[in-house]
N, C-alpha and C. Protein backbone atom coordinates (compact mmCIF):
# COMPACT_ATOMS: atom_id res chain seq x y z
N MET A 1 26.35 -32.97 -3.39
CA MET A 1 25.26 -32.03 -3.55
C MET A 1 24.34 -32.14 -2.34
N MET A 2 23.99 -30.99 -1.77
CA MET A 2 23.11 -30.97 -0.60
C MET A 2 21.65 -30.94 -1.06
N ARG A 3 20.81 -31.76 -0.40
CA ARG A 3 19.39 -31.80 -0.72
C ARG A 3 18.62 -31.08 0.38
N LEU A 4 17.67 -30.27 -0.01
CA LEU A 4 16.82 -29.56 0.95
C LEU A 4 15.43 -30.17 0.94
N SER A 5 14.85 -30.23 2.11
CA SER A 5 13.46 -30.70 2.19
C SER A 5 12.54 -29.61 1.62
N ARG A 6 11.30 -29.98 1.35
CA ARG A 6 10.32 -29.01 0.85
C ARG A 6 10.16 -27.86 1.84
N ARG A 7 10.09 -28.18 3.12
CA ARG A 7 9.93 -27.15 4.16
C ARG A 7 11.12 -26.19 4.15
N GLU A 8 12.35 -26.73 4.01
CA GLU A 8 13.54 -25.87 3.97
C GLU A 8 13.53 -24.98 2.72
N CYS A 9 13.09 -25.53 1.60
CA CYS A 9 13.00 -24.73 0.37
C CYS A 9 11.99 -23.61 0.53
N LEU A 10 10.84 -23.91 1.10
CA LEU A 10 9.82 -22.88 1.32
C LEU A 10 10.32 -21.81 2.28
N ALA A 11 11.01 -22.22 3.33
CA ALA A 11 11.53 -21.25 4.31
C ALA A 11 12.56 -20.35 3.65
N PHE A 12 13.44 -20.93 2.82
CA PHE A 12 14.44 -20.12 2.12
C PHE A 12 13.77 -19.14 1.16
N THR A 13 12.79 -19.62 0.39
CA THR A 13 12.10 -18.77 -0.57
C THR A 13 11.39 -17.63 0.14
N ALA A 14 10.72 -17.93 1.25
CA ALA A 14 10.00 -16.89 2.00
C ALA A 14 10.97 -15.85 2.55
N ALA A 15 12.13 -16.29 3.01
CA ALA A 15 13.12 -15.34 3.55
C ALA A 15 13.75 -14.51 2.44
N ALA A 16 14.04 -15.14 1.31
CA ALA A 16 14.69 -14.43 0.21
C ALA A 16 13.73 -13.53 -0.56
N PHE A 17 12.47 -13.93 -0.62
CA PHE A 17 11.47 -13.17 -1.38
C PHE A 17 10.23 -12.95 -0.52
N PRO A 18 10.27 -12.00 0.43
CA PRO A 18 9.17 -11.83 1.37
C PRO A 18 7.83 -11.52 0.71
N ALA A 19 7.82 -10.90 -0.47
CA ALA A 19 6.54 -10.59 -1.12
C ALA A 19 5.81 -11.86 -1.53
N PHE A 20 6.53 -12.97 -1.66
CA PHE A 20 5.91 -14.22 -2.07
C PHE A 20 5.76 -15.19 -0.90
N SER A 21 5.88 -14.69 0.30
CA SER A 21 5.76 -15.52 1.48
C SER A 21 4.37 -16.13 1.56
N GLN A 22 4.31 -17.39 1.90
CA GLN A 22 3.03 -18.08 2.07
C GLN A 22 2.55 -18.02 3.51
N GLU A 23 3.21 -17.24 4.34
CA GLU A 23 2.81 -17.14 5.74
C GLU A 23 1.71 -16.10 5.89
N PRO A 24 0.55 -16.53 6.37
CA PRO A 24 -0.53 -15.56 6.60
C PRO A 24 -0.20 -14.66 7.78
N ALA A 25 -0.71 -13.44 7.74
CA ALA A 25 -0.52 -12.47 8.82
C ALA A 25 -1.55 -11.37 8.65
N ALA A 26 -1.84 -10.67 9.73
CA ALA A 26 -2.72 -9.51 9.61
C ALA A 26 -2.10 -8.54 8.62
N GLY A 27 -2.94 -7.98 7.77
CA GLY A 27 -2.44 -7.04 6.77
C GLY A 27 -2.05 -7.68 5.45
N LYS A 28 -2.26 -8.98 5.32
CA LYS A 28 -2.00 -9.66 4.04
C LYS A 28 -3.33 -10.04 3.41
N LEU A 29 -3.27 -10.29 2.12
CA LEU A 29 -4.45 -10.71 1.38
C LEU A 29 -4.42 -12.21 1.15
N LEU A 30 -5.57 -12.83 1.25
CA LEU A 30 -5.76 -14.20 0.80
C LEU A 30 -6.52 -14.10 -0.52
N VAL A 31 -5.95 -14.65 -1.56
CA VAL A 31 -6.58 -14.63 -2.87
C VAL A 31 -6.97 -16.07 -3.20
N ALA A 32 -8.26 -16.32 -3.36
CA ALA A 32 -8.72 -17.67 -3.69
C ALA A 32 -8.12 -18.08 -5.03
N THR A 33 -7.66 -19.32 -5.10
CA THR A 33 -7.12 -19.83 -6.36
C THR A 33 -8.26 -20.45 -7.17
N ARG A 34 -7.95 -20.80 -8.38
CA ARG A 34 -8.97 -21.45 -9.22
C ARG A 34 -9.34 -22.83 -8.67
N GLN A 35 -8.49 -23.39 -7.81
CA GLN A 35 -8.78 -24.70 -7.20
C GLN A 35 -9.87 -24.62 -6.15
N SER A 36 -10.13 -23.43 -5.62
CA SER A 36 -11.13 -23.26 -4.58
C SER A 36 -12.52 -23.47 -5.17
N ARG A 37 -13.21 -24.48 -4.70
CA ARG A 37 -14.53 -24.82 -5.23
C ARG A 37 -15.67 -24.41 -4.30
N ASP A 38 -15.37 -23.94 -3.12
CA ASP A 38 -16.40 -23.52 -2.18
C ASP A 38 -17.08 -22.27 -2.73
N PRO A 39 -18.38 -22.33 -3.03
CA PRO A 39 -19.05 -21.16 -3.62
C PRO A 39 -19.03 -19.92 -2.72
N ASP A 40 -18.91 -20.11 -1.42
CA ASP A 40 -18.84 -18.96 -0.51
C ASP A 40 -17.52 -18.20 -0.65
N PHE A 41 -16.49 -18.87 -1.13
CA PHE A 41 -15.16 -18.25 -1.21
C PHE A 41 -14.59 -18.16 -2.62
N ALA A 42 -15.26 -18.73 -3.60
CA ALA A 42 -14.74 -18.71 -4.97
C ALA A 42 -14.52 -17.28 -5.43
N GLN A 43 -13.38 -17.04 -6.02
CA GLN A 43 -12.97 -15.74 -6.56
C GLN A 43 -13.00 -14.62 -5.51
N SER A 44 -12.74 -14.98 -4.27
CA SER A 44 -12.74 -13.94 -3.23
C SER A 44 -11.32 -13.46 -2.93
N VAL A 45 -11.27 -12.21 -2.49
CA VAL A 45 -10.04 -11.58 -2.01
C VAL A 45 -10.34 -11.15 -0.58
N ILE A 46 -9.55 -11.67 0.35
CA ILE A 46 -9.82 -11.45 1.78
C ILE A 46 -8.63 -10.74 2.42
N LEU A 47 -8.92 -9.66 3.11
CA LEU A 47 -7.91 -8.97 3.90
C LEU A 47 -7.93 -9.56 5.30
N LEU A 48 -6.80 -10.12 5.73
CA LEU A 48 -6.70 -10.61 7.10
C LEU A 48 -6.57 -9.41 8.03
N ILE A 49 -7.54 -9.23 8.92
CA ILE A 49 -7.50 -8.10 9.85
C ILE A 49 -6.99 -8.52 11.22
N HIS A 50 -6.93 -9.82 11.46
CA HIS A 50 -6.42 -10.35 12.73
C HIS A 50 -5.81 -11.72 12.45
N TYR A 51 -4.64 -11.97 13.06
CA TYR A 51 -4.01 -13.28 12.95
C TYR A 51 -3.19 -13.51 14.20
N SER A 52 -3.50 -14.58 14.91
CA SER A 52 -2.76 -14.94 16.12
C SER A 52 -2.89 -16.45 16.32
N ARG A 53 -2.33 -16.95 17.40
CA ARG A 53 -2.44 -18.38 17.70
C ARG A 53 -3.89 -18.80 17.88
N GLN A 54 -4.75 -17.85 18.25
CA GLN A 54 -6.17 -18.17 18.46
C GLN A 54 -6.93 -18.30 17.14
N GLY A 55 -6.40 -17.77 16.05
CA GLY A 55 -7.07 -17.90 14.77
C GLY A 55 -6.92 -16.67 13.89
N ALA A 56 -7.62 -16.70 12.78
CA ALA A 56 -7.55 -15.63 11.79
C ALA A 56 -8.94 -15.10 11.50
N ILE A 57 -9.03 -13.78 11.31
CA ILE A 57 -10.29 -13.14 10.94
C ILE A 57 -10.00 -12.29 9.71
N GLY A 58 -10.88 -12.36 8.73
CA GLY A 58 -10.70 -11.57 7.52
C GLY A 58 -12.00 -11.00 7.00
N LEU A 59 -11.86 -10.06 6.08
CA LEU A 59 -13.00 -9.43 5.41
C LEU A 59 -12.82 -9.56 3.90
N MET A 60 -13.87 -9.99 3.22
CA MET A 60 -13.85 -10.04 1.76
C MET A 60 -13.90 -8.61 1.24
N ILE A 61 -12.90 -8.22 0.48
CA ILE A 61 -12.84 -6.82 0.03
C ILE A 61 -13.30 -6.64 -1.41
N ASN A 62 -13.75 -7.71 -2.05
CA ASN A 62 -14.17 -7.58 -3.44
C ASN A 62 -15.63 -7.97 -3.67
N ARG A 63 -16.45 -7.88 -2.61
CA ARG A 63 -17.86 -8.25 -2.75
C ARG A 63 -18.81 -7.18 -2.20
N PRO A 64 -19.06 -6.14 -2.99
CA PRO A 64 -20.04 -5.15 -2.54
C PRO A 64 -21.44 -5.75 -2.60
N TRP A 65 -22.28 -5.35 -1.68
CA TRP A 65 -23.70 -5.73 -1.70
C TRP A 65 -24.48 -4.52 -2.17
N ASP A 66 -25.60 -4.75 -2.76
CA ASP A 66 -26.48 -3.64 -3.13
C ASP A 66 -27.50 -3.44 -2.00
N VAL A 67 -26.97 -3.33 -0.79
CA VAL A 67 -27.80 -3.16 0.41
C VAL A 67 -27.35 -1.88 1.10
N PRO A 68 -28.27 -0.95 1.33
CA PRO A 68 -27.87 0.28 2.02
C PRO A 68 -27.55 0.02 3.49
N VAL A 69 -26.61 0.78 4.04
CA VAL A 69 -26.27 0.61 5.46
C VAL A 69 -27.44 0.98 6.36
N THR A 70 -28.41 1.71 5.83
CA THR A 70 -29.58 2.06 6.64
C THR A 70 -30.36 0.82 7.06
N ARG A 71 -30.10 -0.30 6.41
CA ARG A 71 -30.73 -1.56 6.83
C ARG A 71 -30.23 -1.97 8.22
N LEU A 72 -28.95 -1.69 8.49
CA LEU A 72 -28.38 -1.99 9.81
C LEU A 72 -28.47 -0.79 10.74
N PHE A 73 -28.43 0.40 10.17
CA PHE A 73 -28.45 1.64 10.96
C PHE A 73 -29.61 2.51 10.46
N PRO A 74 -30.86 2.15 10.80
CA PRO A 74 -32.02 2.87 10.25
C PRO A 74 -32.07 4.35 10.62
N GLU A 75 -31.43 4.72 11.71
CA GLU A 75 -31.45 6.12 12.13
C GLU A 75 -30.60 7.02 11.23
N LEU A 76 -29.75 6.43 10.40
CA LEU A 76 -28.88 7.21 9.51
C LEU A 76 -29.56 7.37 8.15
N THR A 77 -30.70 7.98 8.15
CA THR A 77 -31.52 8.08 6.94
C THR A 77 -30.83 8.82 5.80
N GLN A 78 -29.86 9.68 6.09
CA GLN A 78 -29.18 10.46 5.05
C GLN A 78 -28.01 9.70 4.41
N SER A 79 -27.61 8.58 4.99
CA SER A 79 -26.43 7.87 4.49
C SER A 79 -26.70 7.20 3.15
N LYS A 80 -25.79 7.39 2.23
CA LYS A 80 -25.87 6.75 0.91
C LYS A 80 -24.94 5.53 0.83
N ALA A 81 -24.23 5.25 1.91
CA ALA A 81 -23.25 4.15 1.92
C ALA A 81 -23.94 2.80 1.71
N LYS A 82 -23.19 1.90 1.09
CA LYS A 82 -23.66 0.53 0.86
C LYS A 82 -22.85 -0.42 1.73
N LEU A 83 -23.46 -1.56 2.05
CA LEU A 83 -22.76 -2.61 2.79
C LEU A 83 -21.90 -3.43 1.84
N TRP A 84 -20.85 -4.01 2.42
CA TRP A 84 -20.00 -4.95 1.71
C TRP A 84 -20.14 -6.29 2.41
N GLN A 85 -20.09 -7.37 1.63
CA GLN A 85 -20.15 -8.71 2.21
C GLN A 85 -18.78 -9.02 2.79
N GLY A 86 -18.72 -9.08 4.13
CA GLY A 86 -17.45 -9.35 4.79
C GLY A 86 -17.09 -10.82 4.81
N GLY A 87 -18.10 -11.67 4.81
CA GLY A 87 -17.85 -13.10 4.81
C GLY A 87 -19.00 -13.88 5.41
N PRO A 88 -19.03 -15.18 5.13
CA PRO A 88 -20.16 -16.01 5.54
C PRO A 88 -19.99 -16.71 6.89
N ILE A 89 -18.89 -16.50 7.57
CA ILE A 89 -18.60 -17.30 8.76
C ILE A 89 -19.17 -16.71 10.04
N ALA A 90 -18.95 -15.44 10.27
CA ALA A 90 -19.40 -14.82 11.52
C ALA A 90 -20.32 -13.65 11.22
N LEU A 91 -21.29 -13.47 12.09
CA LEU A 91 -22.18 -12.32 11.99
C LEU A 91 -21.51 -11.11 12.60
N GLY A 92 -22.09 -9.97 12.40
CA GLY A 92 -21.56 -8.75 12.99
C GLY A 92 -21.22 -7.75 11.91
N VAL A 93 -20.87 -6.58 12.35
CA VAL A 93 -20.55 -5.51 11.42
C VAL A 93 -19.19 -4.94 11.79
N ARG A 94 -18.39 -4.65 10.77
CA ARG A 94 -17.05 -4.08 10.95
C ARG A 94 -16.83 -3.06 9.86
N GLY A 95 -15.86 -2.22 10.08
CA GLY A 95 -15.51 -1.24 9.06
C GLY A 95 -14.03 -1.24 8.79
N LEU A 96 -13.67 -0.77 7.62
CA LEU A 96 -12.28 -0.52 7.26
C LEU A 96 -12.17 0.95 6.90
N LEU A 97 -11.17 1.61 7.47
CA LEU A 97 -10.96 3.04 7.26
C LEU A 97 -9.56 3.28 6.73
N ARG A 98 -9.48 4.11 5.71
CA ARG A 98 -8.19 4.55 5.18
C ARG A 98 -7.93 5.93 5.78
N SER A 99 -6.85 6.03 6.55
CA SER A 99 -6.57 7.28 7.25
C SER A 99 -5.08 7.41 7.51
N PRO A 100 -4.54 8.64 7.46
CA PRO A 100 -3.12 8.81 7.77
C PRO A 100 -2.81 8.65 9.26
N SER A 101 -3.83 8.77 10.10
CA SER A 101 -3.61 8.62 11.55
C SER A 101 -4.65 7.67 12.13
N LYS A 102 -4.27 7.02 13.22
CA LYS A 102 -5.12 6.01 13.86
C LYS A 102 -6.29 6.69 14.58
N PRO A 103 -7.51 6.35 14.19
CA PRO A 103 -8.67 6.88 14.91
C PRO A 103 -8.88 6.13 16.23
N GLU A 104 -9.65 6.73 17.11
CA GLU A 104 -9.98 6.05 18.37
C GLU A 104 -10.76 4.78 18.07
N GLN A 105 -10.59 3.80 18.92
CA GLN A 105 -11.29 2.51 18.84
C GLN A 105 -11.12 1.84 17.47
N ALA A 106 -9.93 1.93 16.93
CA ALA A 106 -9.62 1.26 15.67
C ALA A 106 -8.31 0.50 15.84
N ASP A 107 -8.21 -0.61 15.13
CA ASP A 107 -7.01 -1.44 15.19
C ASP A 107 -6.25 -1.35 13.87
N PRO A 108 -4.93 -1.08 13.93
CA PRO A 108 -4.17 -1.02 12.69
C PRO A 108 -4.12 -2.40 12.01
N VAL A 109 -4.31 -2.40 10.70
CA VAL A 109 -4.24 -3.63 9.92
C VAL A 109 -3.00 -3.60 9.04
N LEU A 110 -2.79 -2.50 8.37
CA LEU A 110 -1.59 -2.27 7.56
C LEU A 110 -1.42 -0.76 7.46
N ALA A 111 -0.35 -0.32 6.85
CA ALA A 111 -0.06 1.12 6.79
C ALA A 111 -1.24 1.89 6.22
N GLY A 112 -1.82 2.76 7.05
CA GLY A 112 -2.92 3.62 6.61
C GLY A 112 -4.28 2.98 6.57
N VAL A 113 -4.42 1.73 7.03
CA VAL A 113 -5.73 1.05 7.04
C VAL A 113 -6.01 0.52 8.43
N TYR A 114 -7.23 0.80 8.91
CA TYR A 114 -7.62 0.45 10.27
C TYR A 114 -8.95 -0.30 10.25
N ALA A 115 -9.07 -1.30 11.14
CA ALA A 115 -10.31 -2.04 11.31
C ALA A 115 -11.08 -1.45 12.47
N ILE A 116 -12.38 -1.32 12.28
CA ILE A 116 -13.26 -0.77 13.32
C ILE A 116 -14.34 -1.79 13.61
N SER A 117 -14.49 -2.15 14.88
CA SER A 117 -15.56 -3.07 15.26
C SER A 117 -16.56 -2.42 16.22
N SER A 118 -16.28 -1.20 16.65
CA SER A 118 -17.19 -0.47 17.53
C SER A 118 -18.36 0.09 16.72
N VAL A 119 -19.57 -0.34 17.06
CA VAL A 119 -20.76 0.14 16.35
C VAL A 119 -20.89 1.65 16.48
N LYS A 120 -20.56 2.17 17.65
CA LYS A 120 -20.65 3.62 17.86
C LYS A 120 -19.69 4.37 16.93
N THR A 121 -18.48 3.87 16.78
CA THR A 121 -17.51 4.50 15.87
C THR A 121 -17.99 4.39 14.43
N LEU A 122 -18.53 3.22 14.05
CA LEU A 122 -19.06 3.06 12.70
C LEU A 122 -20.18 4.05 12.43
N GLU A 123 -21.09 4.19 13.39
CA GLU A 123 -22.19 5.14 13.24
C GLU A 123 -21.67 6.56 13.04
N GLY A 124 -20.64 6.93 13.81
CA GLY A 124 -20.06 8.26 13.69
C GLY A 124 -19.45 8.50 12.31
N MET A 125 -18.75 7.48 11.78
CA MET A 125 -18.15 7.60 10.45
C MET A 125 -19.23 7.73 9.38
N LEU A 126 -20.30 6.96 9.54
CA LEU A 126 -21.40 7.02 8.57
C LEU A 126 -22.13 8.36 8.65
N ALA A 127 -22.38 8.83 9.87
CA ALA A 127 -23.06 10.12 10.05
C ALA A 127 -22.25 11.26 9.47
N ALA A 128 -20.92 11.13 9.49
CA ALA A 128 -20.04 12.16 8.94
C ALA A 128 -19.91 12.04 7.42
N ASN A 129 -20.61 11.05 6.84
CA ASN A 129 -20.54 10.80 5.39
C ASN A 129 -19.11 10.64 4.89
N THR A 130 -18.33 9.83 5.62
CA THR A 130 -16.96 9.53 5.20
C THR A 130 -17.02 8.90 3.81
N PRO A 131 -16.23 9.38 2.85
CA PRO A 131 -16.34 8.89 1.47
C PRO A 131 -16.00 7.40 1.34
N SER A 132 -16.63 6.75 0.37
CA SER A 132 -16.47 5.30 0.19
C SER A 132 -15.06 4.90 -0.24
N ASP A 133 -14.28 5.84 -0.77
CA ASP A 133 -12.90 5.48 -1.13
C ASP A 133 -11.99 5.48 0.09
N ALA A 134 -12.56 5.83 1.26
CA ALA A 134 -11.78 5.83 2.51
C ALA A 134 -12.46 5.05 3.63
N PHE A 135 -13.68 4.57 3.41
CA PHE A 135 -14.42 3.91 4.48
C PHE A 135 -15.43 2.94 3.89
N ARG A 136 -15.42 1.72 4.41
CA ARG A 136 -16.38 0.70 3.98
C ARG A 136 -16.90 -0.05 5.19
N VAL A 137 -18.18 -0.42 5.13
CA VAL A 137 -18.83 -1.16 6.21
C VAL A 137 -19.13 -2.57 5.69
N TYR A 138 -18.73 -3.56 6.48
CA TYR A 138 -18.87 -4.96 6.09
C TYR A 138 -19.84 -5.68 7.02
N GLY A 139 -20.73 -6.46 6.42
CA GLY A 139 -21.59 -7.34 7.18
C GLY A 139 -21.00 -8.73 7.14
N GLY A 140 -20.74 -9.31 8.31
CA GLY A 140 -20.13 -10.63 8.39
C GLY A 140 -18.62 -10.58 8.25
N SER A 141 -18.00 -11.72 8.46
CA SER A 141 -16.55 -11.84 8.32
C SER A 141 -16.20 -13.30 8.07
N THR A 142 -14.94 -13.54 7.79
CA THR A 142 -14.44 -14.90 7.60
C THR A 142 -13.59 -15.27 8.81
N GLY A 143 -13.37 -16.53 9.01
CA GLY A 143 -12.55 -16.95 10.13
C GLY A 143 -12.05 -18.37 9.98
N TRP A 144 -10.88 -18.62 10.54
CA TRP A 144 -10.25 -19.94 10.51
C TRP A 144 -9.47 -20.16 11.80
N SER A 145 -9.26 -21.41 12.13
CA SER A 145 -8.21 -21.71 13.10
C SER A 145 -6.90 -21.61 12.33
N VAL A 146 -5.79 -21.42 13.04
CA VAL A 146 -4.49 -21.31 12.37
C VAL A 146 -4.20 -22.56 11.55
N GLU A 147 -4.46 -23.73 12.14
CA GLU A 147 -4.18 -24.99 11.45
C GLU A 147 -5.02 -25.13 10.18
N GLN A 148 -6.30 -24.78 10.27
CA GLN A 148 -7.18 -24.89 9.10
C GLN A 148 -6.70 -23.98 7.97
N LEU A 149 -6.37 -22.73 8.29
CA LEU A 149 -5.93 -21.81 7.24
C LEU A 149 -4.62 -22.28 6.62
N LYS A 150 -3.66 -22.68 7.44
CA LYS A 150 -2.38 -23.16 6.89
C LYS A 150 -2.58 -24.39 6.02
N SER A 151 -3.51 -25.26 6.41
CA SER A 151 -3.81 -26.44 5.60
C SER A 151 -4.40 -26.04 4.25
N GLU A 152 -5.33 -25.09 4.25
CA GLU A 152 -5.94 -24.64 3.00
C GLU A 152 -4.90 -23.98 2.09
N ILE A 153 -3.97 -23.23 2.68
CA ILE A 153 -2.91 -22.60 1.89
C ILE A 153 -1.99 -23.67 1.30
N SER A 154 -1.61 -24.65 2.11
CA SER A 154 -0.69 -25.70 1.61
C SER A 154 -1.36 -26.58 0.55
N ARG A 155 -2.69 -26.68 0.58
CA ARG A 155 -3.42 -27.45 -0.44
C ARG A 155 -3.65 -26.63 -1.71
N GLY A 156 -3.19 -25.38 -1.70
CA GLY A 156 -3.29 -24.54 -2.89
C GLY A 156 -4.62 -23.85 -3.08
N LEU A 157 -5.41 -23.72 -2.01
CA LEU A 157 -6.71 -23.06 -2.13
C LEU A 157 -6.60 -21.54 -2.03
N TRP A 158 -5.51 -21.05 -1.42
CA TRP A 158 -5.29 -19.62 -1.24
C TRP A 158 -3.86 -19.26 -1.61
N ARG A 159 -3.70 -18.08 -2.17
CA ARG A 159 -2.38 -17.44 -2.31
C ARG A 159 -2.33 -16.33 -1.28
N VAL A 160 -1.20 -16.19 -0.63
CA VAL A 160 -1.00 -15.11 0.34
C VAL A 160 -0.16 -14.04 -0.36
N VAL A 161 -0.70 -12.83 -0.43
CA VAL A 161 0.02 -11.74 -1.11
C VAL A 161 0.00 -10.50 -0.23
N PRO A 162 0.99 -9.63 -0.41
CA PRO A 162 1.01 -8.39 0.37
C PRO A 162 -0.21 -7.52 0.03
N ALA A 163 -0.65 -6.76 0.99
CA ALA A 163 -1.78 -5.84 0.79
C ALA A 163 -1.29 -4.41 0.90
N ASP A 164 -2.04 -3.52 0.30
CA ASP A 164 -1.83 -2.10 0.51
C ASP A 164 -3.20 -1.42 0.45
N ALA A 165 -3.24 -0.17 0.86
CA ALA A 165 -4.51 0.55 0.93
C ALA A 165 -5.19 0.65 -0.43
N ARG A 166 -4.41 0.75 -1.51
CA ARG A 166 -5.01 0.82 -2.85
C ARG A 166 -5.82 -0.43 -3.17
N ALA A 167 -5.28 -1.60 -2.83
CA ALA A 167 -6.00 -2.85 -3.09
C ALA A 167 -7.24 -2.95 -2.22
N VAL A 168 -7.11 -2.58 -0.95
CA VAL A 168 -8.23 -2.69 -0.01
C VAL A 168 -9.40 -1.81 -0.45
N PHE A 169 -9.11 -0.62 -0.95
CA PHE A 169 -10.16 0.31 -1.36
C PHE A 169 -10.21 0.45 -2.89
N ASP A 170 -9.93 -0.63 -3.57
CA ASP A 170 -9.92 -0.64 -5.03
C ASP A 170 -11.28 -0.17 -5.57
N PRO A 171 -11.28 0.78 -6.51
CA PRO A 171 -12.55 1.27 -7.03
C PRO A 171 -13.25 0.29 -7.99
N HIS A 172 -12.56 -0.79 -8.36
CA HIS A 172 -13.13 -1.77 -9.28
C HIS A 172 -13.06 -3.17 -8.64
N PRO A 173 -13.83 -3.40 -7.57
CA PRO A 173 -13.72 -4.67 -6.85
C PRO A 173 -14.11 -5.89 -7.67
N ALA A 174 -14.96 -5.72 -8.67
CA ALA A 174 -15.40 -6.86 -9.47
C ALA A 174 -14.25 -7.50 -10.25
N THR A 175 -13.20 -6.73 -10.53
CA THR A 175 -12.07 -7.28 -11.29
C THR A 175 -10.82 -7.48 -10.43
N LEU A 176 -10.91 -7.19 -9.15
CA LEU A 176 -9.73 -7.30 -8.28
C LEU A 176 -9.17 -8.72 -8.26
N TRP A 177 -10.03 -9.72 -8.12
CA TRP A 177 -9.57 -11.11 -8.05
C TRP A 177 -8.79 -11.49 -9.31
N SER A 178 -9.34 -11.18 -10.48
CA SER A 178 -8.65 -11.57 -11.72
C SER A 178 -7.34 -10.80 -11.89
N ARG A 179 -7.30 -9.55 -11.48
CA ARG A 179 -6.05 -8.78 -11.59
C ARG A 179 -4.99 -9.33 -10.64
N LEU A 180 -5.38 -9.71 -9.42
CA LEU A 180 -4.41 -10.28 -8.48
C LEU A 180 -3.93 -11.65 -8.95
N ASN A 181 -4.78 -12.42 -9.59
CA ASN A 181 -4.37 -13.73 -10.09
C ASN A 181 -3.50 -13.62 -11.33
N ALA A 182 -3.54 -12.49 -12.01
CA ALA A 182 -2.71 -12.31 -13.20
C ALA A 182 -1.27 -11.97 -12.85
N ARG A 183 -1.02 -11.60 -11.59
CA ARG A 183 0.35 -11.24 -11.17
C ARG A 183 1.25 -12.44 -11.16
């Protein structure tokens, strides 16, 4: 009987069942497990918008704030949009857009979803009153070194699951974490 190491078993499982792959990548979700005790990340669902050897950047997609975007963009007095808490690690503002085609100054994250970090582009989307089911503005973001994120995943603090535009723009973000954990 042949014995496989844990690493070989994980590699086989990831290859045979890609939806259950534990490998983080841009366009995947990190779902905090019940083992995660950090109050900044407890019950969070994070969309990885960037992943490379230099590190990972993500946005919490299940934490709306009751803060109007006019707090960051006071000149947009007509905007009814609200900010979303992107994460506690880095400052700055970013947007996620659901669109069938890639807009200028946007980076593809997954099929039909684009990350925007250009303030000018964000202002344009807000001024155009892009609907909230297709556009969200995030204050802050999350970030890890590759080694740190892989360590947290191997310790069982995160589950890596496939993402799609429906999950990213879920109309019921307060229950997204529990629904993803029920899968």
